[in-house]
Amino acid sequence: MEIDPRALTEDGYLKDQDYLKNFPYGRYPTSFNGCGWVAIYNAEHAAGRGIAVEAVYEAMRRILPYEGTHGTPFPTMVRYFKERHIPIARIYGSGEELVRIVRECGAPRGILRYIEGREPHYIAFVRVSDETPARYRFFNAADGKEDFVETMEYFRREHLGGRRVVRLLLPGEEREDARARGKNHIVDAKWSEHLPRRCVQYPVLRRKNSFEPLSGIGRGA
């Protein structure tokens, strides 16, 4: 399948799923429910692994449950990285808590799952400066802001308001010989050594007695 050039940035990130209608993702086109695999591709591209858009798309389509009617569930996002021997930190919390964690651990990239309006959505972010406060590049976030640079605090203020639980994935680094040796020989990125262990292992904030919404449908507007 051919990628519409309007979906891509000049340096190879996917900035707008709206132009990926020709990539079916379960029952629907990627333009409707494909923000999960788009975010994973952008995180992989930021890590410099040289993986093709089509390779990420096919890998995610293979493990996508429910024919895509629930978007991409959070465990499916995690499964992608685990199958590739890439360590992954899973963190749940409020927008304020996640901004603090990203700042304190110095994460160079990551994936956020949040709800904008009534639509759950995944986006990838990449740190582009070490100034204080650090600035990040956000992809596929909202119409008119498909590729923009801002602070994490700005993104929290504009998109992570309220008391809704936000989910954060921080992929680590894969050792080059991991797959060749057939074992999970991995080394975390240096930044991952500073992640608070309790935040990786236990959600810092949980939703109780409430319905879990669909996991990545459409785009934030």
C-alpha atoms as a PDB file:
ATOM      1  CA  MET A   1       0.000   0.000   0.000  1.00  0.00           C
ATOM      2  CA  GLU A   2       1.167   3.472  -0.830  1.00  0.00           C
ATOM      3  CA  ILE A   3       1.564   6.035   1.943  1.00  0.00           C
ATOM      4  CA  ASP A   4       0.012   9.394   1.230  1.00  0.00           C
ATOM      5  CA  PRO A   5       2.914  11.870   1.529  1.00  0.00           C
ATOM      6  CA  ARG A   6       0.634  14.219   3.466  1.00  0.00           C
ATOM      7  CA  ALA A   7       0.760  11.724   6.347  1.00  0.00           C
ATOM      8  CA  LEU A   8       4.537  12.028   6.683  1.00  0.00           C
ATOM      9  CA  THR A   9       6.926  14.641   8.011  1.00  0.00           C
ATOM     10  CA  GLU A  10      10.089  15.417   6.060  1.00  0.00           C
ATOM     11  CA  ASP A  11      12.114  13.348   8.527  1.00  0.00           C
ATOM     12  CA  GLY A  12       9.897  10.279   8.335  1.00  0.00           C
ATOM     13  CA  TYR A  13       7.396  10.511  11.207  1.00  0.00           C
ATOM     14  CA  LEU A  14       3.687   9.860  10.714  1.00  0.00           C
ATOM     15  CA  LYS A  15       1.997  13.133  11.592  1.00  0.00           C
ATOM     16  CA  ASP A  16      -1.618  12.586  10.560  1.00  0.00           C
ATOM     17  CA  GLN A  17      -3.586   9.340  10.538  1.00  0.00           C
ATOM     18  CA  ASP A  18      -6.350  11.052   8.562  1.00  0.00           C
ATOM     19  CA  TYR A  19      -4.306  10.408   5.411  1.00  0.00           C
ATOM     20  CA  LEU A  20      -3.991   6.655   6.047  1.00  0.00           C
ATOM     21  CA  LYS A  21      -7.498   5.667   5.002  1.00  0.00           C
ATOM     22  CA  ASN A  22      -6.090   3.015   2.666  1.00  0.00           C
ATOM     23  CA  PHE A  23      -4.564   1.091   5.607  1.00  0.00           C
ATOM     24  CA  PRO A  24      -7.365  -1.110   7.003  1.00  0.00           C
ATOM     25  CA  TYR A  25      -7.011  -1.808  10.725  1.00  0.00           C
ATOM     26  CA  GLY A  26      -9.502  -4.504  11.579  1.00  0.00           C
ATOM     27  CA  ARG A  27     -12.963  -3.445  10.416  1.00  0.00           C
ATOM     28  CA  TYR A  28     -12.047   0.203  10.054  1.00  0.00           C
ATOM     29  CA  PRO A  29      -9.503   2.340   8.236  1.00  0.00           C
ATOM     30  CA  THR A  30      -6.488   3.619  10.140  1.00  0.00           C
ATOM     31  CA  SER A  31      -7.919   7.128   9.840  1.00  0.00           C
ATOM     32  CA  PHE A  32     -10.595   6.071  12.352  1.00  0.00           C
ATOM     33  CA  ASN A  33      -8.962   3.665  14.823  1.00  0.00           C
ATOM     34  CA  GLY A  34      -5.253   3.427  13.962  1.00  0.00           C
ATOM     35  CA  CYS A  35      -3.700   5.948  16.347  1.00  0.00           C
ATOM     36  CA  GLY A  36      -2.141   3.099  18.357  1.00  0.00           C
ATOM     37  CA  TRP A  37       0.032   1.655  15.627  1.00  0.00           C
ATOM     38  CA  VAL A  38       0.834   5.141  14.336  1.00  0.00           C
ATOM     39  CA  ALA A  39       2.128   6.108  17.798  1.00  0.00           C
ATOM     40  CA  ILE A  40       4.219   2.938  18.023  1.00  0.00           C
ATOM     41  CA  TYR A  41       5.779   3.577  14.624  1.00  0.00           C
ATOM     42  CA  ASN A  42       6.700   7.121  15.656  1.00  0.00           C
ATOM     43  CA  ALA A  43       8.289   5.877  18.896  1.00  0.00           C
ATOM     44  CA  GLU A  44      10.250   3.249  16.945  1.00  0.00           C
ATOM     45  CA  HIS A  45      11.334   5.825  14.374  1.00  0.00           C
ATOM     46  CA  ALA A  46      12.506   8.142  17.158  1.00  0.00           C
ATOM     47  CA  ALA A  47      14.601   5.300  18.598  1.00  0.00           C
ATOM     48  CA  GLY A  48      16.410   5.015  15.255  1.00  0.00           C
ATOM     49  CA  ARG A  49      15.610   1.342  14.752  1.00  0.00           C
ATOM     50  CA  GLY A  50      15.119   1.823  11.007  1.00  0.00           C
ATOM     51  CA  ILE A  51      11.847  -0.102  10.925  1.00  0.00           C
ATOM     52  CA  ALA A  52       9.494   0.585   8.029  1.00  0.00           C
ATOM     53  CA  VAL A  53       5.985   1.970   8.453  1.00  0.00           C
ATOM     54  CA  GLU A  54       4.564  -1.121   6.775  1.00  0.00           C
ATOM     55  CA  ALA A  55       6.413  -3.457   9.155  1.00  0.00           C
ATOM     56  CA  VAL A  56       4.925  -1.835  12.252  1.00  0.00           C
ATOM     57  CA  TYR A  57       1.501  -1.741  10.652  1.00  0.00           C
ATOM     58  CA  GLU A  58       1.572  -5.469   9.790  1.00  0.00           C
ATOM     59  CA  ALA A  59       2.902  -6.436  13.217  1.00  0.00           C
ATOM     60  CA  MET A  60       0.152  -4.522  14.978  1.00  0.00           C
ATOM     61  CA  ARG A  61      -2.556  -5.742  12.643  1.00  0.00           C
ATOM     62  CA  ARG A  62      -1.495  -9.317  13.405  1.00  0.00           C
ATOM     63  CA  ILE A  63      -2.045  -8.948  17.157  1.00  0.00           C
ATOM     64  CA  LEU A  64      -5.022  -6.557  17.039  1.00  0.00           C
ATOM     65  CA  PRO A  65      -7.996  -8.072  18.952  1.00  0.00           C
ATOM     66  CA  TYR A  66     -11.737  -7.581  18.446  1.00  0.00           C
ATOM     67  CA  GLU A  67     -11.238  -6.792  14.747  1.00  0.00           C
ATOM     68  CA  GLY A  68     -10.252  -3.286  15.778  1.00  0.00           C
ATOM     69  CA  THR A  69     -13.708  -2.427  17.126  1.00  0.00           C
ATOM     70  CA  HIS A  70     -12.094  -1.432  20.440  1.00  0.00           C
ATOM     71  CA  GLY A  71      -9.241   0.418  18.810  1.00  0.00           C
ATOM     72  CA  THR A  72      -5.865  -0.743  20.139  1.00  0.00           C
ATOM     73  CA  PRO A  73      -6.174  -1.949  23.760  1.00  0.00           C
ATOM     74  CA  PHE A  74      -3.381  -0.855  26.076  1.00  0.00           C
ATOM     75  CA  PRO A  75      -2.119  -4.455  26.635  1.00  0.00           C
ATOM     76  CA  THR A  76      -1.755  -4.830  22.854  1.00  0.00           C
ATOM     77  CA  MET A  77       0.512  -1.793  22.770  1.00  0.00           C
ATOM     78  CA  VAL A  78       2.668  -3.403  25.470  1.00  0.00           C
ATOM     79  CA  ARG A  79       2.677  -6.759  23.664  1.00  0.00           C
ATOM     80  CA  TYR A  80       4.256  -5.202  20.581  1.00  0.00           C
ATOM     81  CA  PHE A  81       7.335  -4.125  22.552  1.00  0.00           C
ATOM     82  CA  LYS A  82       7.565  -7.324  24.590  1.00  0.00           C
ATOM     83  CA  GLU A  83       7.600  -9.459  21.447  1.00  0.00           C
ATOM     84  CA  ARG A  84      10.612  -7.451  20.273  1.00  0.00           C
ATOM     85  CA  HIS A  85      12.518  -7.734  23.559  1.00  0.00           C
ATOM     86  CA  ILE A  86      12.185  -4.008  24.189  1.00  0.00           C
ATOM     87  CA  PRO A  87      11.771  -3.133  27.887  1.00  0.00           C
ATOM     88  CA  ILE A  88       8.717  -1.027  28.508  1.00  0.00           C
ATOM     89  CA  ALA A  89       7.619   1.022  31.505  1.00  0.00           C
ATOM     90  CA  ARG A  90       3.848   1.239  31.972  1.00  0.00           C
ATOM     91  CA  ILE A  91       2.712   4.136  34.113  1.00  0.00           C
ATOM     92  CA  TYR A  92      -0.797   5.232  35.081  1.00  0.00           C
ATOM     93  CA  GLY A  93      -1.643   8.529  36.700  1.00  0.00           C
ATOM     94  CA  SER A  94      -3.014  12.009  36.417  1.00  0.00           C
ATOM     95  CA  GLY A  95      -1.651  14.440  33.862  1.00  0.00           C
ATOM     96  CA  GLU A  96       0.316  16.248  36.567  1.00  0.00           C
ATOM     97  CA  GLU A  97       1.914  13.025  37.797  1.00  0.00           C
ATOM     98  CA  LEU A  98       2.961  11.907  34.355  1.00  0.00           C
ATOM     99  CA  VAL A  99       4.474  15.275  33.463  1.00  0.00           C
ATOM    100  CA  ARG A 100       6.525  15.051  36.665  1.00  0.00           C
ATOM    101  CA  ILE A 101       7.705  11.517  35.885  1.00  0.00           C
ATOM    102  CA  VAL A 102       8.712  12.380  32.319  1.00  0.00           C
ATOM    103  CA  ARG A 103      10.622  15.396  33.612  1.00  0.00           C
ATOM    104  CA  GLU A 104      12.365  13.584  36.463  1.00  0.00           C
ATOM    105  CA  CYS A 105      13.459  10.548  34.447  1.00  0.00           C
ATOM    106  CA  GLY A 106      14.424  12.549  31.373  1.00  0.00           C
ATOM    107  CA  ALA A 107      12.571  10.240  28.978  1.00  0.00           C
ATOM    108  CA  PRO A 108      13.695  10.927  25.402  1.00  0.00           C
ATOM    109  CA  ARG A 109      10.460   9.622  23.880  1.00  0.00           C
ATOM    110  CA  GLY A 110       7.227   7.914  24.799  1.00  0.00           C
ATOM    111  CA  ILE A 111       3.579   7.238  24.053  1.00  0.00           C
ATOM    112  CA  LEU A 112       0.615   8.833  25.819  1.00  0.00           C
ATOM    113  CA  ARG A 113      -2.900   7.462  25.923  1.00  0.00           C
ATOM    114  CA  TYR A 114      -5.458  10.013  27.051  1.00  0.00           C
ATOM    115  CA  ILE A 115      -9.038  11.074  26.402  1.00  0.00           C
ATOM    116  CA  GLU A 116      -9.821  14.279  24.575  1.00  0.00           C
ATOM    117  CA  GLY A 117     -13.487  15.142  24.688  1.00  0.00           C
ATOM    118  CA  ARG A 118     -14.947  11.637  24.556  1.00  0.00           C
ATOM    119  CA  GLU A 119     -12.323  10.089  22.295  1.00  0.00           C
ATOM    120  CA  PRO A 120      -9.457   7.948  23.645  1.00  0.00           C
ATOM    121  CA  HIS A 121      -6.301   8.643  21.687  1.00  0.00           C
ATOM    122  CA  TYR A 122      -2.625   7.631  21.490  1.00  0.00           C
ATOM    123  CA  ILE A 123       0.147  10.021  20.513  1.00  0.00           C
ATOM    124  CA  ALA A 124       3.936   9.771  20.470  1.00  0.00           C
ATOM    125  CA  PHE A 125       6.293  12.447  21.734  1.00  0.00           C
ATOM    126  CA  VAL A 126      10.037  12.998  21.312  1.00  0.00           C
ATOM    127  CA  ARG A 127      12.281  15.293  23.359  1.00  0.00           C
ATOM    128  CA  VAL A 128      13.955  17.857  21.119  1.00  0.00           C
ATOM    129  CA  SER A 129      15.760  20.054  23.658  1.00  0.00           C
ATOM    130  CA  ASP A 130      17.342  19.754  27.099  1.00  0.00           C
ATOM    131  CA  GLU A 131      16.580  23.297  28.146  1.00  0.00           C
ATOM    132  CA  THR A 132      14.499  23.929  31.250  1.00  0.00           C
ATOM    133  CA  PRO A 133      11.694  23.190  30.801  1.00  0.00           C
ATOM    134  CA  ALA A 134      12.452  20.593  28.120  1.00  0.00           C
ATOM    135  CA  ARG A 135      10.570  20.833  24.858  1.00  0.00           C
ATOM    136  CA  TYR A 136       8.967  17.912  23.044  1.00  0.00           C
ATOM    137  CA  ARG A 137       7.724  17.238  19.560  1.00  0.00           C
ATOM    138  CA  PHE A 138       4.208  15.770  19.421  1.00  0.00           C
ATOM    139  CA  PHE A 139       2.766  13.807  16.479  1.00  0.00           C
ATOM    140  CA  ASN A 140      -0.795  13.115  15.318  1.00  0.00           C
ATOM    141  CA  ALA A 141      -2.159  15.047  18.280  1.00  0.00           C
ATOM    142  CA  ALA A 142      -4.904  17.303  16.910  1.00  0.00           C
ATOM    143  CA  ASP A 143      -6.120  18.976  13.754  1.00  0.00           C
ATOM    144  CA  GLY A 144      -3.913  21.971  13.131  1.00  0.00           C
ATOM    145  CA  LYS A 145      -1.242  20.556  15.474  1.00  0.00           C
ATOM    146  CA  GLU A 146      -0.247  17.347  13.733  1.00  0.00           C
ATOM    147  CA  ASP A 147       3.451  18.060  14.314  1.00  0.00           C
ATOM    148  CA  PHE A 148       4.350  20.714  16.875  1.00  0.00           C
ATOM    149  CA  VAL A 149       6.947  21.465  19.541  1.00  0.00           C
ATOM    150  CA  GLU A 150       6.004  22.543  23.055  1.00  0.00           C
ATOM    151  CA  THR A 151       6.699  21.793  26.707  1.00  0.00           C
ATOM    152  CA  MET A 152       5.102  18.793  28.391  1.00  0.00           C
ATOM    153  CA  GLU A 153       3.356  21.159  30.779  1.00  0.00           C
ATOM    154  CA  TYR A 154       1.743  22.925  27.827  1.00  0.00           C
ATOM    155  CA  PHE A 155       0.476  19.592  26.486  1.00  0.00           C
ATOM    156  CA  ARG A 156      -0.871  18.654  29.903  1.00  0.00           C
ATOM    157  CA  ARG A 157      -2.702  21.962  30.212  1.00  0.00           C
ATOM    158  CA  GLU A 158      -4.232  21.731  26.737  1.00  0.00           C
ATOM    159  CA  HIS A 159      -4.981  18.006  26.522  1.00  0.00           C
ATOM    160  CA  LEU A 160      -4.700  16.206  29.885  1.00  0.00           C
ATOM    161  CA  GLY A 161      -7.108  18.190  32.033  1.00  0.00           C
ATOM    162  CA  GLY A 162      -9.505  16.835  34.633  1.00  0.00           C
ATOM    163  CA  ARG A 163      -9.113  13.774  36.819  1.00  0.00           C
ATOM    164  CA  ARG A 164      -9.086  11.176  34.078  1.00  0.00           C
ATOM    165  CA  VAL A 165      -6.360   8.563  34.260  1.00  0.00           C
ATOM    166  CA  VAL A 166      -3.662   9.019  31.651  1.00  0.00           C
ATOM    167  CA  ARG A 167      -1.448   6.136  30.530  1.00  0.00           C
ATOM    168  CA  LEU A 168       2.189   6.467  29.620  1.00  0.00           C
ATOM    169  CA  LEU A 169       4.464   4.002  27.821  1.00  0.00           C
ATOM    170  CA  LEU A 170       8.217   4.584  27.967  1.00  0.00           C
ATOM    171  CA  PRO A 171      10.085   2.135  25.695  1.00  0.00           C
ATOM    172  CA  GLY A 172      13.684   1.336  26.597  1.00  0.00           C
ATOM    173  CA  GLU A 173      16.512   0.161  24.359  1.00  0.00           C
ATOM    174  CA  GLU A 174      16.904  -3.163  22.568  1.00  0.00           C
ATOM    175  CA  ARG A 175      20.292  -4.859  22.466  1.00  0.00           C
ATOM    176  CA  GLU A 176      21.313  -5.569  18.908  1.00  0.00           C
ATOM    177  CA  ASP A 177      21.958  -9.264  19.582  1.00  0.00           C
ATOM    178  CA  ALA A 178      18.768  -9.930  21.560  1.00  0.00           C
ATOM    179  CA  ARG A 179      16.849 -11.719  18.829  1.00  0.00           C
ATOM    180  CA  ALA A 180      19.916 -13.432  17.383  1.00  0.00           C
ATOM    181  CA  ARG A 181      20.662 -15.061  20.743  1.00  0.00           C
ATOM    182  CA  GLY A 182      17.027 -16.080  21.171  1.00  0.00           C
ATOM    183  CA  LYS A 183      16.778 -14.748  24.706  1.00  0.00           C
ATOM    184  CA  ASN A 184      15.550 -11.601  26.322  1.00  0.00           C
ATOM    185  CA  HIS A 185      19.015 -10.046  26.651  1.00  0.00           C
ATOM    186  CA  ILE A 186      18.129  -6.411  27.055  1.00  0.00           C
ATOM    187  CA  VAL A 187      19.631  -3.299  28.531  1.00  0.00           C
ATOM    188  CA  ASP A 188      17.455  -0.407  29.564  1.00  0.00           C
ATOM    189  CA  ALA A 189      18.185   3.065  28.312  1.00  0.00           C
ATOM    190  CA  LYS A 190      20.128   5.073  30.898  1.00  0.00           C
ATOM    191  CA  TRP A 191      17.101   7.221  31.600  1.00  0.00           C
ATOM    192  CA  SER A 192      15.022   4.176  32.547  1.00  0.00           C
ATOM    193  CA  GLU A 193      17.278   3.533  35.550  1.00  0.00           C
ATOM    194  CA  HIS A 194      15.739   6.604  37.161  1.00  0.00           C
ATOM    195  CA  LEU A 195      12.112   5.523  36.795  1.00  0.00           C
ATOM    196  CA  PRO A 196      10.415   5.123  40.185  1.00  0.00           C
ATOM    197  CA  ARG A 197       9.897   1.369  40.515  1.00  0.00           C
ATOM    198  CA  ARG A 198       6.526   1.722  42.210  1.00  0.00           C
ATOM    199  CA  CYS A 199       5.228   3.726  39.262  1.00  0.00           C
ATOM    200  CA  VAL A 200       6.318   1.052  36.826  1.00  0.00           C
ATOM    201  CA  GLN A 201       4.854  -1.822  38.812  1.00  0.00           C
ATOM    202  CA  TYR A 202       1.755  -0.277  40.331  1.00  0.00           C
ATOM    203  CA  PRO A 203      -0.619   2.349  38.961  1.00  0.00           C
ATOM    204  CA  VAL A 204      -0.390   5.558  40.944  1.00  0.00           C
ATOM    205  CA  LEU A 205      -4.053   6.273  40.253  1.00  0.00           C
ATOM    206  CA  ARG A 206      -6.799   3.868  39.227  1.00  0.00           C
ATOM    207  CA  ARG A 207     -10.302   4.278  37.931  1.00  0.00           C
ATOM    208  CA  LYS A 208     -12.734   2.358  40.113  1.00  0.00           C
ATOM    209  CA  ASN A 209     -16.176   1.041  39.276  1.00  0.00           C
ATOM    210  CA  SER A 210     -16.237   2.669  35.874  1.00  0.00           C
ATOM    211  CA  PHE A 211     -16.443   1.431  32.312  1.00  0.00           C
ATOM    212  CA  GLU A 212     -13.172   1.325  30.447  1.00  0.00           C
ATOM    213  CA  PRO A 213     -13.641   3.333  27.238  1.00  0.00           C
ATOM    214  CA  LEU A 214     -12.427   2.244  23.848  1.00  0.00           C
ATOM    215  CA  SER A 215      -8.675   2.401  23.519  1.00  0.00           C
ATOM    216  CA  GLY A 216      -7.765   4.667  20.634  1.00  0.00           C
ATOM    217  CA  ILE A 217     -10.546   5.795  18.327  1.00  0.00           C
ATOM    218  CA  GLY A 218     -10.177   8.772  16.041  1.00  0.00           C
ATOM    219  CA  ARG A 219      -8.002  11.753  16.857  1.00  0.00           C
ATOM    220  CA  GLY A 220      -8.095  14.504  19.424  1.00  0.00           C
ATOM    221  CA  ALA A 221      -9.611  17.647  17.934  1.00  0.00           C
END
